[in-house]
């Protein structure tokens, strides 16, 4: 009976010794507790009781960072969440240097998000997300490099404001639009005044041009559908007649 069980035990040991790793997987091998290399992909032979193989997935992980309470540099409280894209590039470091690489990266992303955004004002957080994404990604990547993790990208998803802050921003935007409208109107008045001054200077230099302009104005008035037209008679038109009489 005992000799009949021996072949079955040997077969079980042989089956358990064979491991298959996919193309996106690597195996960190430990022999009697010591790191002896990274294996895969393909068929890997693991010596039972002597070796242990830890699988590591090399695919990109998409992690949603929970919403964080952030106080900006101008003392405005907002809630910000983000998403990070990272993957393991060194399986041995990811297993040996950190207990849970995914959880460690998530916690680091939360603290880094609060730290970086807290150094900027609310207007910068709302309008300069691309630059903030790059800053957060650079800090995360520098820290996770020791864990064998590469942070590929960071994207700030939502910035939630309180209702009072939303109303304050709307009032500020309306005031800014009014200011721009007034500046544009003032610039238009300035340009119109300069044009009128130039035209007056040209007309004053040539009296006949002023008389032609006066006659053109009378012609324009005659086209209007009015019953009574009061025509002022400028003295400039009388000067040639007086000169001829003299």
Protein backbone atom coordinates (compact mmCIF):
# COMPACT_ATOMS: atom_id res chain seq x y z
CA UNK A 1 0.00 0.00 0.00
CA UNK A 2 2.82 2.37 0.93
CA UNK A 3 4.72 1.64 -2.26
CA UNK A 4 1.59 2.39 -4.28
CA UNK A 5 1.34 5.88 -2.75
CA UNK A 6 4.96 6.78 -3.54
CA UNK A 7 4.41 7.22 -7.33
CA UNK A 8 1.38 9.37 -6.63
CA UNK A 9 3.41 11.61 -4.29
CA UNK A 10 6.18 11.90 -6.87
CA UNK A 11 3.66 12.85 -9.54
CA UNK A 12 2.12 15.50 -7.28
CA UNK A 13 5.56 16.96 -6.52
CA UNK A 14 6.44 17.10 -10.20
CA UNK A 15 3.18 18.84 -11.09
CA UNK A 16 3.62 21.36 -8.26
CA UNK A 17 7.18 22.04 -9.41
CA UNK A 18 6.06 23.22 -12.83
CA UNK A 19 4.88 26.84 -13.06
CA UNK A 20 3.75 28.70 -16.16
CA UNK A 21 4.19 32.46 -16.35
CA UNK A 22 2.35 34.56 -18.92
CA UNK A 23 4.03 37.16 -21.10
CA UNK A 24 3.00 39.97 -18.73
CA UNK A 25 4.18 38.10 -15.61
CA UNK A 26 7.54 37.57 -13.94
CA UNK A 27 8.51 35.30 -11.05
CA UNK A 28 10.78 36.35 -8.20
CA UNK A 29 12.59 33.20 -7.08
CA UNK A 30 13.68 32.57 -3.50
CA UNK A 31 15.85 29.54 -2.63
CA UNK A 32 15.90 28.75 1.06
CA UNK A 33 14.71 32.30 1.67
CA UNK A 34 17.37 34.03 -0.44
CA UNK A 35 16.67 35.89 -3.68
CA UNK A 36 18.12 33.90 -6.56
CA UNK A 37 16.78 35.69 -9.64
CA UNK A 38 13.77 36.76 -11.66
CA UNK A 39 12.23 34.18 -13.96
CA UNK A 40 9.79 34.13 -16.85
CA UNK A 41 7.84 34.21 -18.98
CA UNK A 42 7.25 30.57 -19.89
CA UNK A 43 7.65 27.30 -17.98
CA UNK A 44 9.53 27.55 -14.69
CA UNK A 45 10.71 24.65 -12.53
CA UNK A 46 10.45 25.24 -8.80
CA UNK A 47 12.08 22.76 -6.44
CA UNK A 48 9.48 21.85 -3.83
CA UNK A 49 10.30 22.71 -0.20
CA UNK A 50 13.49 24.46 -1.31
CA UNK A 51 12.31 27.22 -3.62
CA UNK A 52 9.41 29.64 -3.66
CA UNK A 53 8.18 31.64 -6.66
CA UNK A 54 6.31 34.93 -6.25
CA UNK A 55 4.38 36.10 -9.30
CA UNK A 56 4.47 39.78 -10.28
CA UNK A 57 2.13 41.42 -12.81
CA UNK A 58 3.90 43.93 -15.09
CA UNK A 59 0.78 45.45 -16.64
CA UNK A 60 -0.19 49.09 -16.08
CA UNK A 61 -2.34 49.60 -13.00
CA UNK A 62 -5.00 52.34 -13.01
CA UNK A 63 -5.62 53.52 -9.46
CA UNK A 64 -8.27 56.02 -8.42
CA UNK A 65 -6.98 58.24 -5.61
CA UNK A 66 -9.77 58.92 -3.10
CA UNK A 67 -11.03 62.47 -2.70
CA UNK A 68 -8.65 64.51 -0.55
CA UNK A 69 -9.34 67.63 1.53
CA UNK A 70 -6.85 70.24 0.35
CA UNK A 71 -6.30 73.74 1.72
CA UNK A 72 -4.79 75.95 -0.96
CA UNK A 73 -2.17 78.60 -0.34
CA UNK A 74 -4.88 81.30 -0.22
CA UNK A 75 -6.73 79.32 2.52
CA UNK A 76 -9.52 77.86 0.36
CA UNK A 77 -10.73 74.37 1.26
CA UNK A 78 -11.44 72.10 -1.72
CA UNK A 79 -11.89 68.39 -2.33
CA UNK A 80 -9.65 66.94 -5.05
CA UNK A 81 -9.38 63.43 -6.44
CA UNK A 82 -7.07 62.07 -9.10
CA UNK A 83 -6.13 58.94 -11.02
CA UNK A 84 -2.60 57.56 -11.38
CA UNK A 85 -1.16 55.12 -13.92
CA UNK A 86 1.81 53.03 -12.82
CA UNK A 87 3.41 49.64 -13.35
CA UNK A 88 6.13 47.47 -11.88
CA UNK A 89 9.38 47.63 -13.86
CA UNK A 90 11.65 45.82 -11.39
CA UNK A 91 9.89 42.80 -9.87
CA UNK A 92 12.63 42.03 -7.38
CA UNK A 93 12.48 45.50 -5.81
CA UNK A 94 8.67 45.44 -5.75
CA UNK A 95 8.75 42.23 -3.69
CA UNK A 96 11.84 42.77 -1.53
CA UNK A 97 11.77 46.51 -0.81
CA UNK A 98 8.08 47.05 0.02
CA UNK A 99 5.38 44.86 1.57
CA UNK A 100 2.46 45.96 -0.64
CA UNK A 101 3.62 48.04 -3.62
CA UNK A 102 0.10 48.98 -4.75
CA UNK A 103 -1.05 50.15 -1.32
CA UNK A 104 2.23 52.01 -0.75
CA UNK A 105 1.88 53.84 -4.07
CA UNK A 106 -1.74 54.73 -3.28
CA UNK A 107 -0.90 56.20 0.13
CA UNK A 108 2.05 58.10 -1.30
CA UNK A 109 -0.17 59.53 -4.05
CA UNK A 110 -2.68 60.82 -1.48
CA UNK A 111 -0.08 62.62 0.63
CA UNK A 112 1.72 64.00 -2.43
CA UNK A 113 -1.56 65.30 -3.87
CA UNK A 114 -2.32 67.26 -0.69
CA UNK A 115 1.24 68.52 -0.39
CA UNK A 116 1.63 69.78 -3.97
CA UNK A 117 -1.81 71.39 -4.29
CA UNK A 118 -1.43 73.05 -0.90
CA UNK A 119 1.47 75.08 -2.29
CA UNK A 120 -0.70 76.72 -4.98
CA UNK A 121 -3.60 79.15 -4.98
CA UNK A 122 -7.10 78.17 -6.03
CA UNK A 123 -6.84 79.91 -9.42
CA UNK A 124 -3.71 77.88 -10.23
CA UNK A 125 -5.37 74.61 -9.18
CA UNK A 126 -8.30 75.31 -11.49
CA UNK A 127 -6.40 76.66 -14.50
CA UNK A 128 -3.00 74.91 -14.43
CA UNK A 129 -3.88 71.26 -14.01
CA UNK A 130 -1.41 70.07 -16.65
CA UNK A 131 1.54 71.61 -14.83
CA UNK A 132 0.34 70.27 -11.47
CA UNK A 133 -0.09 66.79 -12.96
CA UNK A 134 3.52 66.84 -14.12
CA UNK A 135 4.76 68.01 -10.70
CA UNK A 136 2.89 65.27 -8.86
CA UNK A 137 4.01 62.60 -11.34
CA UNK A 138 7.66 63.66 -11.00
CA UNK A 139 7.58 63.50 -7.18
CA UNK A 140 5.83 60.13 -7.14
CA UNK A 141 8.17 58.65 -9.73
CA UNK A 142 11.25 59.76 -7.83
CA UNK A 143 10.02 58.06 -4.63
CA UNK A 144 8.64 54.85 -6.15
CA UNK A 145 11.81 54.24 -8.16
CA UNK A 146 13.30 52.53 -5.08
CA UNK A 147 10.30 50.17 -5.08
CA UNK A 148 10.76 49.20 -8.74
CA UNK A 149 7.62 51.09 -9.77
CA UNK A 150 7.30 53.55 -12.65
CA UNK A 151 4.54 56.19 -12.37
CA UNK A 152 3.62 56.92 -15.97
CA UNK A 153 0.94 59.56 -15.57
CA UNK A 154 -1.16 61.48 -13.04
CA UNK A 155 -4.46 63.19 -13.85
CA UNK A 156 -6.45 65.43 -11.52
CA UNK A 157 -10.08 64.47 -12.14
CA UNK A 158 -12.34 66.72 -10.07
CA UNK A 159 -11.97 69.84 -7.93
CA UNK A 160 -15.10 70.25 -5.80
CA UNK A 161 -15.84 73.67 -4.31
CA UNK A 162 -18.40 74.73 -1.72
CA UNK A 163 -21.49 76.65 -2.84
CA UNK A 164 -20.25 79.87 -1.22
CA UNK A 165 -16.96 79.60 -3.10
CA UNK A 166 -18.76 78.91 -6.38
CA UNK A 167 -20.86 82.07 -5.93
CA UNK A 168 -17.76 84.08 -5.02
CA UNK A 169 -15.95 82.88 -8.15
CA UNK A 170 -19.00 83.73 -10.28
CA UNK A 171 -19.08 87.27 -8.84
CA UNK A 172 -15.35 87.64 -9.46
CA UNK A 173 -15.75 86.51 -13.06
CA UNK A 174 -18.64 88.94 -13.60
CA UNK A 175 -16.60 91.80 -12.14
CA UNK A 176 -13.70 90.88 -14.41
CA UNK A 177 -15.99 90.91 -17.46
CA UNK A 178 -17.34 94.35 -16.48
CA UNK A 179 -13.81 95.65 -16.06
CA UNK A 180 -12.79 94.39 -19.49
CA UNK A 181 -15.91 95.90 -21.07
CA UNK A 182 -15.14 99.29 -19.53
CA UNK A 183 -11.52 99.13 -20.64
CA UNK A 184 -12.55 98.24 -24.20
CA UNK A 185 -15.12 101.08 -24.22
CA UNK A 186 -12.52 103.55 -22.94
CA UNK A 187 -10.04 102.43 -25.58
CA UNK A 188 -12.70 102.94 -28.25
CA UNK A 189 -13.47 106.44 -27.00
CA UNK A 190 -9.77 107.24 -26.96
CA UNK A 191 -9.29 106.09 -30.54
CA UNK A 192 -12.41 107.95 -31.69
CA UNK A 193 -11.23 111.15 -30.02
CA UNK A 194 -7.83 110.84 -31.68
CA UNK A 195 -9.46 110.31 -35.08
CA UNK A 196 -11.77 113.31 -34.62
CA UNK A 197 -8.85 115.49 -33.54
CA UNK A 198 -6.91 114.46 -36.64
CA UNK A 199 -9.92 115.16 -38.89
CA UNK A 200 -10.45 118.58 -37.28
CA UNK A 201 -6.81 119.42 -37.81
CA UNK A 202 -7.04 118.52 -41.52
CA UNK A 203 -10.26 120.50 -42.02
CA UNK A 204 -8.91 123.56 -40.24
CA UNK A 205 -5.90 123.57 -42.54
CA UNK A 206 -8.12 123.89 -45.65
CA UNK A 207 -11.24 126.17 -45.42
CA UNK A 208 -12.68 124.90 -48.70
CA UNK A 209 -12.67 121.34 -47.31
CA UNK A 210 -14.73 122.59 -44.38
CA UNK A 211 -17.25 124.20 -46.76
CA UNK A 212 -17.52 120.95 -48.79
CA UNK A 213 -18.11 119.03 -45.58
CA UNK A 214 -20.85 121.48 -44.63
CA UNK A 215 -22.56 121.08 -48.02
CA UNK A 216 -22.34 117.31 -47.74
CA UNK A 217 -24.04 117.48 -44.34
CA UNK A 218 -26.87 119.56 -45.88
CA UNK A 219 -27.29 116.96 -48.61
CA UNK A 220 -27.54 114.23 -46.04
CA UNK A 221 -30.15 116.20 -44.08
CA UNK A 222 -32.24 116.69 -47.20
CA UNK A 223 -32.62 112.94 -47.56
CA UNK A 224 -34.36 112.70 -44.20
CA UNK A 225 -38.17 112.64 -44.17
CA UNK A 226 -38.68 115.80 -42.14
CA UNK A 227 -41.06 118.70 -42.67
CA UNK A 228 -38.80 121.36 -41.20
CA UNK A 229 -35.07 121.69 -41.52
CA UNK A 230 -33.11 124.44 -39.73
CA UNK A 231 -29.94 125.22 -41.60
CA UNK A 232 -27.26 127.21 -39.80
CA UNK A 233 -25.34 129.58 -42.07
CA UNK A 234 -21.69 129.66 -41.11
CA UNK A 235 -19.78 132.92 -41.57
CA UNK A 236 -17.14 131.07 -43.57
CA UNK A 237 -19.58 130.87 -46.50
CA UNK A 238 -20.16 134.62 -46.40
CA UNK A 239 -16.51 135.56 -46.55
CA UNK A 240 -16.11 135.01 -50.34
CA UNK A 241 -19.26 137.10 -51.03
CA UNK A 242 -18.05 139.92 -48.83
CA UNK A 243 -14.64 139.85 -50.50
CA UNK A 244 -16.29 140.06 -53.94
CA UNK A 245 -18.45 143.02 -52.89
CA UNK A 246 -15.45 144.87 -51.51
